[in-house]
């Protein structure tokens, strides 16, 4: 009886861990509202806002990672394109320094939050 209980517990844990690993690998659907910032100027100089829009757009076009600073928190999401080997959608670059809602898949690695930019509104 004890062996059966241990075996059953092992199966339950294995299935649970497998499901968690698959969810992390495939991302979790999420929508986040916040401000699009160029990560270099925002983190190193604190530059942001309407007066920084032109610079932020130039940095995003140059490939500087775009940060989505979640509204009402200090959480930052690094935006990724929807698919590998693509650039971020034009909707991201054109809305730098604006408040938007980005929908996509969330990934977390090493304490860093990432979000694919599948929809920007």
PDB file of N, CA and C in Angstrom:
ATOM      1  N   UNK A   1       0.822  -1.190   0.000  1.00  0.00           N
ATOM      2  CA  UNK A   1       0.000   0.000   0.000  1.00  0.00           C
ATOM      3  C   UNK A   1       0.867   1.256   0.000  1.00  0.00           C
ATOM      4  N   UNK A   2       1.926   1.225   0.812  1.00  0.00           N
ATOM      5  CA  UNK A   2       2.825   2.363   0.902  1.00  0.00           C
ATOM      6  C   UNK A   2       3.524   2.603  -0.442  1.00  0.00           C
ATOM      7  N   UNK A   3       3.932   1.517  -1.108  1.00  0.00           N
ATOM      8  CA  UNK A   3       4.593   1.632  -2.414  1.00  0.00           C
ATOM      9  C   UNK A   3       3.646   2.245  -3.443  1.00  0.00           C
ATOM     10  N   UNK A   4       2.392   1.817  -3.405  1.00  0.00           N
ATOM     11  CA  UNK A   4       1.400   2.332  -4.332  1.00  0.00           C
ATOM     12  C   UNK A   4       1.184   3.833  -4.106  1.00  0.00           C
ATOM     13  N   UNK A   5       1.134   4.252  -2.878  1.00  0.00           N
ATOM     14  CA  UNK A   5       0.968   5.659  -2.540  1.00  0.00           C
ATOM     15  C   UNK A   5       2.164   6.473  -3.025  1.00  0.00           C
ATOM     16  N   UNK A   6       3.363   5.977  -2.807  1.00  0.00           N
ATOM     17  CA  UNK A   6       4.585   6.675  -3.246  1.00  0.00           C
ATOM     18  C   UNK A   6       4.637   6.740  -4.769  1.00  0.00           C
ATOM     19  N   UNK A   7       4.301   5.642  -5.429  1.00  0.00           N
ATOM     20  CA  UNK A   7       4.300   5.629  -6.895  1.00  0.00           C
ATOM     21  C   UNK A   7       3.270   6.621  -7.436  1.00  0.00           C
ATOM     22  N   UNK A   8       2.086   6.653  -6.834  1.00  0.00           N
ATOM     23  CA  UNK A   8       1.047   7.590  -7.265  1.00  0.00           C
ATOM     24  C   UNK A   8       1.477   9.032  -7.072  1.00  0.00           C
ATOM     25  N   UNK A   9       2.098   9.314  -5.961  1.00  0.00           N
ATOM     26  CA  UNK A   9       2.598  10.666  -5.687  1.00  0.00           C
ATOM     27  C   UNK A   9       3.671  11.054  -6.704  1.00  0.00           C
ATOM     28  N   UNK A  10       4.532  10.117  -7.032  1.00  0.00           N
ATOM     29  CA  UNK A  10       5.575  10.368  -8.031  1.00  0.00           C
ATOM     30  C   UNK A  10       4.989  10.686  -9.395  1.00  0.00           C
ATOM     31  N   UNK A  11       3.957   9.971  -9.783  1.00  0.00           N
ATOM     32  CA  UNK A  11       3.308  10.228 -11.071  1.00  0.00           C
ATOM     33  C   UNK A  11       2.658  11.606 -11.080  1.00  0.00           C
ATOM     34  N   UNK A  12       1.959  11.948 -10.011  1.00  0.00           N
ATOM     35  CA  UNK A  12       1.303  13.252  -9.923  1.00  0.00           C
ATOM     36  C   UNK A  12       2.341  14.379 -10.012  1.00  0.00           C
ATOM     37  N   UNK A  13       3.440  14.257  -9.298  1.00  0.00           N
ATOM     38  CA  UNK A  13       4.490  15.279  -9.342  1.00  0.00           C
ATOM     39  C   UNK A  13       5.102  15.379 -10.729  1.00  0.00           C
ATOM     40  N   UNK A  14       5.339  14.253 -11.374  1.00  0.00           N
ATOM     41  CA  UNK A  14       5.928  14.253 -12.714  1.00  0.00           C
ATOM     42  C   UNK A  14       5.030  14.952 -13.718  1.00  0.00           C
ATOM     43  N   UNK A  15       3.759  14.658 -13.667  1.00  0.00           N
ATOM     44  CA  UNK A  15       2.808  15.288 -14.584  1.00  0.00           C
ATOM     45  C   UNK A  15       2.751  16.797 -14.320  1.00  0.00           C
ATOM     46  N   UNK A  16       2.708  17.181 -13.058  1.00  0.00           N
ATOM     47  CA  UNK A  16       2.666  18.599 -12.709  1.00  0.00           C
ATOM     48  C   UNK A  16       3.897  19.350 -13.159  1.00  0.00           C
ATOM     49  N   UNK A  17       5.063  18.783 -12.936  1.00  0.00           N
ATOM     50  CA  UNK A  17       6.303  19.430 -13.356  1.00  0.00           C
ATOM     51  C   UNK A  17       6.404  19.493 -14.869  1.00  0.00           C
ATOM     52  N   UNK A  18       5.952  18.459 -15.546  1.00  0.00           N
ATOM     53  CA  UNK A  18       5.967  18.450 -17.006  1.00  0.00           C
ATOM     54  C   UNK A  18       5.074  19.535 -17.574  1.00  0.00           C
ATOM     55  N   UNK A  19       3.901  19.699 -17.005  1.00  0.00           N
ATOM     56  CA  UNK A  19       2.974  20.736 -17.458  1.00  0.00           C
ATOM     57  C   UNK A  19       3.555  22.130 -17.219  1.00  0.00           C
ATOM     58  N   UNK A  20       4.198  22.328 -16.081  1.00  0.00           N
ATOM     59  CA  UNK A  20       4.814  23.626 -15.780  1.00  0.00           C
ATOM     60  C   UNK A  20       5.947  23.928 -16.758  1.00  0.00           C
ATOM     61  N   UNK A  21       6.742  22.922 -17.084  1.00  0.00           N
ATOM     62  CA  UNK A  21       7.847  23.116 -18.029  1.00  0.00           C
ATOM     63  C   UNK A  21       7.314  23.459 -19.412  1.00  0.00           C
ATOM     64  N   UNK A  22       6.234  22.794 -19.842  1.00  0.00           N
ATOM     65  CA  UNK A  22       5.652  23.078 -21.148  1.00  0.00           C
ATOM     66  C   UNK A  22       5.075  24.483 -21.195  1.00  0.00           C
ATOM     67  N   UNK A  23       4.440  24.926 -20.123  1.00  0.00           N
ATOM     68  CA  UNK A  23       3.875  26.278 -20.084  1.00  0.00           C
ATOM     69  C   UNK A  23       4.977  27.313 -20.172  1.00  0.00           C
ATOM     70  N   UNK A  24       6.092  27.091 -19.475  1.00  0.00           N
ATOM     71  CA  UNK A  24       7.211  28.031 -19.519  1.00  0.00           C
ATOM     72  C   UNK A  24       7.823  28.069 -20.912  1.00  0.00           C
ATOM     73  N   UNK A  25       7.890  26.922 -21.561  1.00  0.00           N
ATOM     74  CA  UNK A  25       8.487  26.840 -22.891  1.00  0.00           C
ATOM     75  C   UNK A  25       7.612  27.518 -23.936  1.00  0.00           C
ATOM     76  N   UNK A  26       6.288  27.390 -23.806  1.00  0.00           N
ATOM     77  CA  UNK A  26       5.357  27.935 -24.781  1.00  0.00           C
ATOM     78  C   UNK A  26       4.884  29.338 -24.437  1.00  0.00           C
ATOM     79  N   UNK A  27       5.215  29.829 -23.281  1.00  0.00           N
ATOM     80  CA  UNK A  27       4.776  31.147 -22.850  1.00  0.00           C
ATOM     81  C   UNK A  27       3.348  31.125 -22.346  1.00  0.00           C
ATOM     82  N   UNK A  28       3.025  32.123 -21.552  1.00  0.00           N
ATOM     83  CA  UNK A  28       1.687  32.264 -20.990  1.00  0.00           C
ATOM     84  C   UNK A  28       1.038  33.490 -21.614  1.00  0.00           C
ATOM     85  N   UNK A  29      -0.156  33.363 -22.204  1.00  0.00           N
ATOM     86  CA  UNK A  29      -0.821  34.531 -22.784  1.00  0.00           C
ATOM     87  C   UNK A  29      -1.031  35.624 -21.730  1.00  0.00           C
ATOM     88  N   UNK A  30      -0.740  36.868 -22.134  1.00  0.00           N
ATOM     89  CA  UNK A  30      -0.848  37.973 -21.174  1.00  0.00           C
ATOM     90  C   UNK A  30      -1.013  39.286 -21.926  1.00  0.00           C
ATOM     91  N   UNK A  31      -1.745  40.214 -21.321  1.00  0.00           N
ATOM     92  CA  UNK A  31      -1.856  41.586 -21.804  1.00  0.00           C
ATOM     93  C   UNK A  31      -1.355  42.504 -20.703  1.00  0.00           C
ATOM     94  N   UNK A  32      -0.501  43.450 -21.068  1.00  0.00           N
ATOM     95  CA  UNK A  32       0.095  44.371 -20.100  1.00  0.00           C
ATOM     96  C   UNK A  32      -0.081  45.803 -20.599  1.00  0.00           C
ATOM     97  N   UNK A  33      -0.565  46.677 -19.740  1.00  0.00           N
ATOM     98  CA  UNK A  33      -0.692  48.097 -20.063  1.00  0.00           C
ATOM     99  C   UNK A  33       0.452  48.845 -19.401  1.00  0.00           C
ATOM    100  N   UNK A  34       1.087  49.701 -20.189  1.00  0.00           N
ATOM    101  CA  UNK A  34       2.203  50.484 -19.672  1.00  0.00           C
ATOM    102  C   UNK A  34       2.766  51.393 -20.740  1.00  0.00           C
ATOM    103  N   UNK A  35       3.929  51.949 -20.475  1.00  0.00           N
ATOM    104  CA  UNK A  35       4.583  52.884 -21.381  1.00  0.00           C
ATOM    105  C   UNK A  35       5.763  52.213 -22.061  1.00  0.00           C
ATOM    106  N   UNK A  36       5.870  52.431 -23.385  1.00  0.00           N
ATOM    107  CA  UNK A  36       6.992  51.885 -24.149  1.00  0.00           C
ATOM    108  C   UNK A  36       8.193  52.811 -24.011  1.00  0.00           C
ATOM    109  N   UNK A  37       9.295  52.278 -23.558  1.00  0.00           N
ATOM    110  CA  UNK A  37      10.527  53.051 -23.328  1.00  0.00           C
ATOM    111  C   UNK A  37      11.695  52.373 -24.028  1.00  0.00           C
ATOM    112  N   UNK A  38      12.667  53.186 -24.470  1.00  0.00           N
ATOM    113  CA  UNK A  38      13.892  52.546 -24.954  1.00  0.00           C
ATOM    114  C   UNK A  38      14.724  52.229 -23.715  1.00  0.00           C
ATOM    115  N   UNK A  39      15.150  51.010 -23.625  1.00  0.00           N
ATOM    116  CA  UNK A  39      15.751  50.520 -22.378  1.00  0.00           C
ATOM    117  C   UNK A  39      17.057  51.226 -22.025  1.00  0.00           C
ATOM    118  N   UNK A  40      17.831  51.652 -23.009  1.00  0.00           N
ATOM    119  CA  UNK A  40      19.116  52.293 -22.698  1.00  0.00           C
ATOM    120  C   UNK A  40      18.911  53.639 -22.014  1.00  0.00           C
ATOM    121  N   UNK A  41      18.185  54.523 -22.653  1.00  0.00           N
ATOM    122  CA  UNK A  41      17.991  55.863 -22.083  1.00  0.00           C
ATOM    123  C   UNK A  41      17.185  55.825 -20.786  1.00  0.00           C
ATOM    124  N   UNK A  42      16.182  54.945 -20.741  1.00  0.00           N
ATOM    125  CA  UNK A  42      15.331  54.863 -19.568  1.00  0.00           C
ATOM    126  C   UNK A  42      16.110  54.390 -18.343  1.00  0.00           C
ATOM    127  N   UNK A  43      16.917  53.340 -18.520  1.00  0.00           N
ATOM    128  CA  UNK A  43      17.612  52.780 -17.357  1.00  0.00           C
ATOM    129  C   UNK A  43      18.896  53.518 -17.018  1.00  0.00           C
ATOM    130  N   UNK A  44      19.616  54.013 -18.020  1.00  0.00           N
ATOM    131  CA  UNK A  44      20.916  54.634 -17.726  1.00  0.00           C
ATOM    132  C   UNK A  44      20.824  56.120 -17.423  1.00  0.00           C
ATOM    133  N   UNK A  45      19.816  56.815 -17.994  1.00  0.00           N
ATOM    134  CA  UNK A  45      19.725  58.258 -17.808  1.00  0.00           C
ATOM    135  C   UNK A  45      18.392  58.719 -17.242  1.00  0.00           C
ATOM    136  N   UNK A  46      17.432  57.810 -17.165  1.00  0.00           N
ATOM    137  CA  UNK A  46      16.103  58.185 -16.683  1.00  0.00           C
ATOM    138  C   UNK A  46      15.305  58.992 -17.682  1.00  0.00           C
ATOM    139  N   UNK A  47      15.749  58.999 -18.945  1.00  0.00           N
ATOM    140  CA  UNK A  47      15.056  59.777 -19.977  1.00  0.00           C
ATOM    141  C   UNK A  47      13.778  59.079 -20.399  1.00  0.00           C
ATOM    142  N   UNK A  48      12.673  59.826 -20.404  1.00  0.00           N
ATOM    143  CA  UNK A  48      11.383  59.306 -20.873  1.00  0.00           C
ATOM    144  C   UNK A  48      10.423  60.463 -21.023  1.00  0.00           C
ATOM    145  N   UNK A  49       9.270  60.200 -21.607  1.00  0.00           N
ATOM    146  CA  UNK A  49       8.250  61.224 -21.780  1.00  0.00           C
ATOM    147  C   UNK A  49       8.191  61.725 -23.207  1.00  0.00           C
ATOM    148  N   UNK A  50       7.245  62.634 -23.449  1.00  0.00           N
ATOM    149  CA  UNK A  50       6.987  63.140 -24.799  1.00  0.00           C
ATOM    150  C   UNK A  50       8.223  63.770 -25.436  1.00  0.00           C
ATOM    151  N   UNK A  51       9.040  64.477 -24.647  1.00  0.00           N
ATOM    152  CA  UNK A  51      10.235  65.128 -25.194  1.00  0.00           C
ATOM    153  C   UNK A  51      11.299  64.108 -25.627  1.00  0.00           C
ATOM    154  N   UNK A  52      11.145  62.867 -25.225  1.00  0.00           N
ATOM    155  CA  UNK A  52      12.117  61.822 -25.559  1.00  0.00           C
ATOM    156  C   UNK A  52      11.619  60.900 -26.671  1.00  0.00           C
ATOM    157  N   UNK A  53      10.441  61.149 -27.200  1.00  0.00           N
ATOM    158  CA  UNK A  53       9.813  60.257 -28.181  1.00  0.00           C
ATOM    159  C   UNK A  53      10.679  60.030 -29.417  1.00  0.00           C
ATOM    160  N   UNK A  54      11.199  61.090 -30.015  1.00  0.00           N
ATOM    161  CA  UNK A  54      12.000  60.964 -31.243  1.00  0.00           C
ATOM    162  C   UNK A  54      13.245  60.110 -30.992  1.00  0.00           C
ATOM    163  N   UNK A  55      13.909  60.359 -29.897  1.00  0.00           N
ATOM    164  CA  UNK A  55      15.101  59.584 -29.539  1.00  0.00           C
ATOM    165  C   UNK A  55      14.731  58.120 -29.311  1.00  0.00           C
ATOM    166  N   UNK A  56      13.636  57.881 -28.582  1.00  0.00           N
ATOM    167  CA  UNK A  56      13.204  56.515 -28.286  1.00  0.00           C
ATOM    168  C   UNK A  56      12.864  55.752 -29.558  1.00  0.00           C
ATOM    169  N   UNK A  57      12.224  56.422 -30.507  1.00  0.00           N
ATOM    170  CA  UNK A  57      11.899  55.778 -31.785  1.00  0.00           C
ATOM    171  C   UNK A  57      13.178  55.418 -32.544  1.00  0.00           C
ATOM    172  N   UNK A  58      14.148  56.328 -32.522  1.00  0.00           N
ATOM    173  CA  UNK A  58      15.433  56.056 -33.189  1.00  0.00           C
ATOM    174  C   UNK A  58      16.164  54.890 -32.546  1.00  0.00           C
ATOM    175  N   UNK A  59      16.145  54.827 -31.223  1.00  0.00           N
ATOM    176  CA  UNK A  59      16.804  53.728 -30.519  1.00  0.00           C
ATOM    177  C   UNK A  59      16.126  52.392 -30.831  1.00  0.00           C
ATOM    178  N   UNK A  60      14.783  52.386 -30.855  1.00  0.00           N
ATOM    179  CA  UNK A  60      14.052  51.157 -31.163  1.00  0.00           C
ATOM    180  C   UNK A  60      14.358  50.691 -32.584  1.00  0.00           C
ATOM    181  N   UNK A  61      14.412  51.637 -33.533  1.00  0.00           N
ATOM    182  CA  UNK A  61      14.737  51.287 -34.926  1.00  0.00           C
ATOM    183  C   UNK A  61      16.159  50.749 -35.043  1.00  0.00           C
ATOM    184  N   UNK A  62      17.049  51.235 -34.170  1.00  0.00           N
ATOM    185  CA  UNK A  62      18.452  50.800 -34.194  1.00  0.00           C
ATOM    186  C   UNK A  62      18.653  49.442 -33.515  1.00  0.00           C
ATOM    187  N   UNK A  63      17.604  48.928 -32.871  1.00  0.00           N
ATOM    188  CA  UNK A  63      17.712  47.614 -32.244  1.00  0.00           C
ATOM    189  C   UNK A  63      17.927  47.621 -30.749  1.00  0.00           C
ATOM    190  N   UNK A  64      17.894  48.805 -30.127  1.00  0.00           N
ATOM    191  CA  UNK A  64      17.980  48.860 -28.661  1.00  0.00           C
ATOM    192  C   UNK A  64      16.722  48.173 -28.128  1.00  0.00           C
ATOM    193  N   UNK A  65      16.828  47.281 -27.161  1.00  0.00           N
ATOM    194  CA  UNK A  65      15.636  46.601 -26.639  1.00  0.00           C
ATOM    195  C   UNK A  65      14.589  47.589 -26.119  1.00  0.00           C
ATOM    196  N   UNK A  66      13.338  47.278 -26.427  1.00  0.00           N
ATOM    197  CA  UNK A  66      12.224  48.112 -25.980  1.00  0.00           C
ATOM    198  C   UNK A  66      11.690  47.540 -24.670  1.00  0.00           C
ATOM    199  N   UNK A  67      11.500  48.442 -23.705  1.00  0.00           N
ATOM    200  CA  UNK A  67      10.958  48.054 -22.399  1.00  0.00           C
ATOM    201  C   UNK A  67       9.522  48.538 -22.299  1.00  0.00           C
ATOM    202  N   UNK A  68       8.665  47.684 -21.782  1.00  0.00           N
ATOM    203  CA  UNK A  68       7.293  48.072 -21.460  1.00  0.00           C
ATOM    204  C   UNK A  68       7.234  48.196 -19.948  1.00  0.00           C
ATOM    205  N   UNK A  69       7.086  49.437 -19.457  1.00  0.00           N
ATOM    206  CA  UNK A  69       7.030  49.687 -18.018  1.00  0.00           C
ATOM    207  C   UNK A  69       5.560  49.606 -17.612  1.00  0.00           C
ATOM    208  N   UNK A  70       5.226  48.558 -16.861  1.00  0.00           N
ATOM    209  CA  UNK A  70       3.836  48.299 -16.508  1.00  0.00           C
ATOM    210  C   UNK A  70       3.264  49.427 -15.669  1.00  0.00           C
ATOM    211  N   UNK A  71       2.076  49.873 -16.041  1.00  0.00           N
ATOM    212  CA  UNK A  71       1.383  50.956 -15.352  1.00  0.00           C
ATOM    213  C   UNK A  71       1.119  50.589 -13.890  1.00  0.00           C
ATOM    214  N   UNK A  72       1.440  51.513 -12.992  1.00  0.00           N
ATOM    215  CA  UNK A  72       1.160  51.330 -11.573  1.00  0.00           C
ATOM    216  C   UNK A  72       2.137  50.433 -10.836  1.00  0.00           C
ATOM    217  N   UNK A  73       3.168  49.944 -11.515  1.00  0.00           N
ATOM    218  CA  UNK A  73       4.174  49.086 -10.877  1.00  0.00           C
ATOM    219  C   UNK A  73       5.551  49.511 -11.361  1.00  0.00           C
ATOM    220  N   UNK A  74       6.564  48.854 -10.843  1.00  0.00           N
ATOM    221  CA  UNK A  74       7.916  49.089 -11.355  1.00  0.00           C
ATOM    222  C   UNK A  74       8.388  47.904 -12.209  1.00  0.00           C
ATOM    223  N   UNK A  75       7.444  47.033 -12.600  1.00  0.00           N
ATOM    224  CA  UNK A  75       7.802  45.855 -13.408  1.00  0.00           C
ATOM    225  C   UNK A  75       8.069  46.283 -14.845  1.00  0.00           C
ATOM    226  N   UNK A  76       9.164  45.760 -15.386  1.00  0.00           N
ATOM    227  CA  UNK A  76       9.552  46.039 -16.764  1.00  0.00           C
ATOM    228  C   UNK A  76       9.529  44.739 -17.553  1.00  0.00           C
ATOM    229  N   UNK A  77       8.886  44.799 -18.716  1.00  0.00           N
ATOM    230  CA  UNK A  77       8.887  43.676 -19.652  1.00  0.00           C
ATOM    231  C   UNK A  77       9.778  44.051 -20.831  1.00  0.00           C
ATOM    232  N   UNK A  78      10.694  43.189 -21.196  1.00  0.00           N
ATOM    233  CA  UNK A  78      11.485  43.370 -22.405  1.00  0.00           C
ATOM    234  C   UNK A  78      10.639  42.803 -23.536  1.00  0.00           C
ATOM    235  N   UNK A  79      10.365  43.626 -24.551  1.00  0.00           N
ATOM    236  CA  UNK A  79       9.524  43.167 -25.647  1.00  0.00           C
ATOM    237  C   UNK A  79      10.335  42.381 -26.665  1.00  0.00           C
ATOM    238  N   UNK A  80       9.710  41.334 -27.160  1.00  0.00           N
ATOM    239  CA  UNK A  80      10.308  40.492 -28.194  1.00  0.00           C
ATOM    240  C   UNK A  80       9.341  40.453 -29.374  1.00  0.00           C
ATOM    241  N   UNK A  81       9.862  40.190 -30.571  1.00  0.00           N
ATOM    242  CA  UNK A  81       8.956  40.046 -31.717  1.00  0.00           C
ATOM    243  C   UNK A  81       8.125  38.774 -31.565  1.00  0.00           C
ATOM    244  N   UNK A  82       7.012  38.684 -32.305  1.00  0.00           N
ATOM    245  CA  UNK A  82       6.164  37.496 -32.205  1.00  0.00           C
ATOM    246  C   UNK A  82       6.876  36.207 -32.629  1.00  0.00           C
ATOM    247  N   UNK A  83       7.818  36.320 -33.562  1.00  0.00           N
ATOM    248  CA  UNK A  83       8.536  35.140 -34.053  1.00  0.00           C
ATOM    249  C   UNK A  83      10.031  35.429 -34.114  1.00  0.00           C
ATOM    250  N   UNK A  84      10.817  34.377 -34.032  1.00  0.00           N
ATOM    251  CA  UNK A  84      12.276  34.479 -34.123  1.00  0.00           C
ATOM    252  C   UNK A  84      12.681  35.073 -35.477  1.00  0.00           C
ATOM    253  N   UNK A  85      13.780  35.786 -35.477  1.00  0.00           N
ATOM    254  CA  UNK A  85      14.367  36.375 -36.682  1.00  0.00           C
ATOM    255  C   UNK A  85      13.464  37.439 -37.324  1.00  0.00           C
ATOM    256  N   UNK A  86      12.610  38.061 -36.541  1.00  0.00           N
ATOM    257  CA  UNK A  86      11.793  39.180 -36.997  1.00  0.00           C
ATOM    258  C   UNK A  86      12.128  40.397 -36.151  1.00  0.00           C
ATOM    259  N   UNK A  87      11.780  41.578 -36.663  1.00  0.00           N
ATOM    260  CA  UNK A  87      11.918  42.765 -35.819  1.00  0.00           C
ATOM    261  C   UNK A  87      10.600  43.018 -35.108  1.00  0.00           C
ATOM    262  N   UNK A  88      10.657  43.925 -34.164  1.00  0.00           N
ATOM    263  CA  UNK A  88       9.431  44.293 -33.451  1.00  0.00           C
ATOM    264  C   UNK A  88       8.456  44.931 -34.442  1.00  0.00           C
ATOM    265  N   UNK A  89       7.165  44.768 -34.231  1.00  0.00           N
ATOM    266  CA  UNK A  89       6.176  45.375 -35.124  1.00  0.00           C
ATOM    267  C   UNK A  89       6.306  46.901 -35.148  1.00  0.00           C
ATOM    268  N   UNK A  90       5.945  47.499 -36.297  1.00  0.00           N
ATOM    269  CA  UNK A  90       5.980  48.959 -36.421  1.00  0.00           C
ATOM    270  C   UNK A  90       5.112  49.639 -35.369  1.00  0.00           C
ATOM    271  N   UNK A  91       4.039  48.977 -34.928  1.00  0.00           N
ATOM    272  CA  UNK A  91       3.174  49.548 -33.888  1.00  0.00           C
ATOM    273  C   UNK A  91       3.943  49.818 -32.602  1.00  0.00           C
ATOM    274  N   UNK A  92       4.962  49.022 -32.326  1.00  0.00           N
ATOM    275  CA  UNK A  92       5.785  49.250 -31.133  1.00  0.00           C
ATOM    276  C   UNK A  92       6.627  50.504 -31.343  1.00  0.00           C
ATOM    277  N   UNK A  93       7.363  50.553 -32.438  1.00  0.00           N
ATOM    278  CA  UNK A  93       8.263  51.683 -32.711  1.00  0.00           C
ATOM    279  C   UNK A  93       7.478  52.992 -32.799  1.00  0.00           C
ATOM    280  N   UNK A  94       6.331  52.971 -33.448  1.00  0.00           N
ATOM    281  CA  UNK A  94       5.541  54.194 -33.636  1.00  0.00           C
ATOM    282  C   UNK A  94       4.877  54.692 -32.356  1.00  0.00           C
ATOM    283  N   UNK A  95       4.798  53.844 -31.336  1.00  0.00           N
ATOM    284  CA  UNK A  95       4.156  54.245 -30.076  1.00  0.00           C
ATOM    285  C   UNK A  95       5.143  54.374 -28.910  1.00  0.00           C
ATOM    286  N   UNK A  96       6.412  54.548 -29.228  1.00  0.00           N
ATOM    287  CA  UNK A  96       7.395  54.743 -28.154  1.00  0.00           C
ATOM    288  C   UNK A  96       6.987  55.945 -27.314  1.00  0.00           C
ATOM    289  N   UNK A  97       7.125  55.831 -26.011  1.00  0.00           N
ATOM    290  CA  UNK A  97       6.780  56.844 -25.012  1.00  0.00           C
ATOM    291  C   UNK A  97       5.277  57.029 -24.841  1.00  0.00           C
ATOM    292  N   UNK A  98       4.466  56.192 -25.491  1.00  0.00           N
ATOM    293  CA  UNK A  98       3.018  56.246 -25.335  1.00  0.00           C
ATOM    294  C   UNK A  98       2.566  55.142 -24.388  1.00  0.00           C
ATOM    295  N   UNK A  99       1.403  55.333 -23.776  1.00  0.00           N
ATOM    296  CA  UNK A  99       0.801  54.270 -22.979  1.00  0.00           C
ATOM    297  C   UNK A  99       0.015  53.368 -23.924  1.00  0.00           C
ATOM    298  N   UNK A 100       0.308  52.096 -23.875  1.00  0.00           N
ATOM    299  CA  UNK A 100      -0.314  51.110 -24.755  1.00  0.00           C
ATOM    300  C   UNK A 100      -0.649  49.848 -23.957  1.00  0.00           C
ATOM    301  N   UNK A 101      -1.391  48.964 -24.587  1.00  0.00           N
ATOM    302  CA  UNK A 101      -1.596  47.624 -24.048  1.00  0.00           C
ATOM    303  C   UNK A 101      -0.997  46.645 -25.049  1.00  0.00           C
ATOM    304  N   UNK A 102      -0.035  45.880 -24.587  1.00  0.00           N
ATOM    305  CA  UNK A 102       0.623  44.882 -25.437  1.00  0.00           C
ATOM    306  C   UNK A 102       0.126  43.511 -25.018  1.00  0.00           C
ATOM    307  N   UNK A 103      -0.311  42.743 -26.008  1.00  0.00           N
ATOM    308  CA  UNK A 103      -0.752  41.372 -25.768  1.00  0.00           C
ATOM    309  C   UNK A 103       0.193  40.422 -26.478  1.00  0.00           C
ATOM    310  N   UNK A 104       0.492  39.325 -25.803  1.00  0.00           N
ATOM    311  CA  UNK A 104       1.385  38.326 -26.372  1.00  0.00           C
ATOM    312  C   UNK A 104       1.595  37.207 -25.376  1.00  0.00           C
ATOM    313  N   UNK A 105       2.775  36.623 -25.420  1.00  0.00           N
ATOM    314  CA  UNK A 105       3.106  35.547 -24.490  1.00  0.00           C
ATOM    315  C   UNK A 105       4.211  36.013 -23.560  1.00  0.00           C
ATOM    316  N   UNK A 106       4.012  35.736 -22.272  1.00  0.00           N
ATOM    317  CA  UNK A 106       4.985  36.119 -21.256  1.00  0.00           C
ATOM    318  C   UNK A 106       5.947  34.962 -20.994  1.00  0.00           C
ATOM    319  N   UNK A 107       7.219  35.320 -20.861  1.00  0.00           N
ATOM    320  CA  UNK A 107       8.263  34.374 -20.477  1.00  0.00           C
ATOM    321  C   UNK A 107       9.055  35.022 -19.352  1.00  0.00           C
ATOM    322  N   UNK A 108       9.534  34.240 -18.416  1.00  0.00           N
ATOM    323  CA  UNK A 108      10.389  34.745 -17.351  1.00  0.00           C
ATOM    324  C   UNK A 108      11.621  33.863 -17.291  1.00  0.00           C
ATOM    325  N   UNK A 109      12.781  34.490 -17.301  1.00  0.00           N
ATOM    326  CA  UNK A 109      14.042  33.751 -17.250  1.00  0.00           C
ATOM    327  C   UNK A 109      15.022  34.569 -16.418  1.00  0.00           C
ATOM    328  N   UNK A 110      15.579  33.948 -15.385  1.00  0.00           N
ATOM    329  CA  UNK A 110      16.564  34.629 -14.551  1.00  0.00           C
ATOM    330  C   UNK A 110      16.026  35.882 -13.883  1.00  0.00           C
ATOM    331  N   UNK A 111      14.730  35.899 -13.610  1.00  0.00           N
ATOM    332  CA  UNK A 111      14.127  37.061 -12.960  1.00  0.00           C
ATOM    333  C   UNK A 111      13.740  38.179 -13.917  1.00  0.00           C
ATOM    334  N   UNK A 112      14.011  38.008 -15.213  1.00  0.00           N
ATOM    335  CA  UNK A 112      13.676  39.019 -16.217  1.00  0.00           C
ATOM    336  C   UNK A 112      12.360  38.619 -16.881  1.00  0.00           C
ATOM    337  N   UNK A 113      11.473  39.602 -17.062  1.00  0.00           N
ATOM    338  CA  UNK A 113      10.172  39.361 -17.690  1.00  0.00           C
ATOM    339  C   UNK A 113      10.240  39.773 -19.153  1.00  0.00           C
ATOM    340  N   UNK A 114       9.792  38.874 -20.018  1.00  0.00           N
ATOM    341  CA  UNK A 114       9.748  39.120 -21.464  1.00  0.00           C
ATOM    342  C   UNK A 114       8.317  38.995 -21.931  1.00  0.00           C
ATOM    343  N   UNK A 115       7.960  39.715 -23.007  1.00  0.00           N
ATOM    344  CA  UNK A 115       6.613  39.650 -23.565  1.00  0.00           C
ATOM    345  C   UNK A 115       6.719  39.776 -25.074  1.00  0.00           C
ATOM    346  N   UNK A 116       6.122  38.824 -25.806  1.00  0.00           N
ATOM    347  CA  UNK A 116       6.092  38.944 -27.259  1.00  0.00           C
ATOM    348  C   UNK A 116       5.057  40.003 -27.617  1.00  0.00           C
ATOM    349  N   UNK A 117       5.382  40.838 -28.591  1.00  0.00           N
ATOM    350  CA  UNK A 117       4.487  41.927 -28.994  1.00  0.00           C
ATOM    351  C   UNK A 117       3.637  41.452 -30.161  1.00  0.00           C
ATOM    352  N   UNK A 118       2.578  40.717 -29.847  1.00  0.00           N
ATOM    353  CA  UNK A 118       1.703  40.189 -30.898  1.00  0.00           C
ATOM    354  C   UNK A 118       0.593  41.170 -31.248  1.00  0.00           C
ATOM    355  N   UNK A 119       0.217  42.025 -30.302  1.00  0.00           N
ATOM    356  CA  UNK A 119      -0.814  43.036 -30.531  1.00  0.00           C
ATOM    357  C   UNK A 119      -0.471  44.261 -29.692  1.00  0.00           C
ATOM    358  N   UNK A 120      -0.568  45.441 -30.308  1.00  0.00           N
ATOM    359  CA  UNK A 120      -0.299  46.693 -29.596  1.00  0.00           C
ATOM    360  C   UNK A 120      -1.492  47.621 -29.815  1.00  0.00           C
ATOM    361  N   UNK A 121      -2.119  48.014 -28.714  1.00  0.00           N
ATOM    362  CA  UNK A 121      -3.288  48.925 -28.815  1.00  0.00           C
ATOM    363  C   UNK A 121      -3.118  50.094 -27.889  1.00  0.00           C
TER     364      UNK A 121
END
